[in-house]
Amino acid sequence: MTNSIRSWMTALGIVLGAATVFAQTPAAAGKPVPLEPDAHGWYACFDGQTLSGWTALDPSDWHVKDGAVTASGPTSHLFSPNTYRNLEFKATIRLNHSGNSGMYVRAAYGKGFPRGYEAQVENTSPDRQRTGSLYGFSPVREQLVADDTWWTQHVIAIGNRIIIKVNDKIVTDYVDSKNTYKVGHLALQQHNPSSVVEYKDVMVKPLPADEALALAEAKKDMPDLK
């Protein structure tokens, strides 16, 4: 078992440079939280075998299969144990034909569709906001990803700026003048009974609270970021 996998143990959280919020909420009480980052500051969000530390409030089928978090069934959201402000959040994803899902940052814990920024995961469903959209804020109309294939999505939240990369290409770079969502959980979405979505290599990287420092940190791995 690697250090990144052992990092999902019971604890109250950590402090990274007085920067990032790791506040425990009812979703996280008594749950494992990440303790040890890799050499680049990334934390593994799942141990590859269980959903330890994550919470789904609505009935659905969330499980781990072949190392991937897999969901099917009714609408449901899987919430992280910790909350974050400035951060990077990435995963490798596969979605069935006409499926619909999403990756949330700064999400409010609760039943139903959460308040928070959603990086859309959707390729061929009737919804016209495709993969790479910042849902409800900045739509991507082009289908970027084929059904039933693996791709990567990477979300960067720094202050009121939200950036989404699909297969290492920036497809959304949006500044929310209202700064609508300031802090919250990560969440994965199971949208409807006909959707089957798989997530693997799910990682989070907390960034400093100071936006200039956060941007500088994000640029270490993404020299194309302006």
Foldseek 3Di string as FASTA:
>chain_A
DDPLLVQFDDDQDDQDPVFKFFHFDVQQVRFGDGDDAPPLQKHFQHNLAANTQKDKDDDWDWGHDRSWTKTAAAKIKIWHRTKTFWKKKKWKKAKAAQFWKWKFHLWDDDDDDTPTFTQIDGAHHPDQQHGRARPPFGGDRDRPDDHGDIWMWMWGHFQQWIWIDINLHTPDTDGDPVSRRGMHIIMMIGHGRVMMMIIHRIIMGHAGNPRVRRQVSVCVVPVVRD
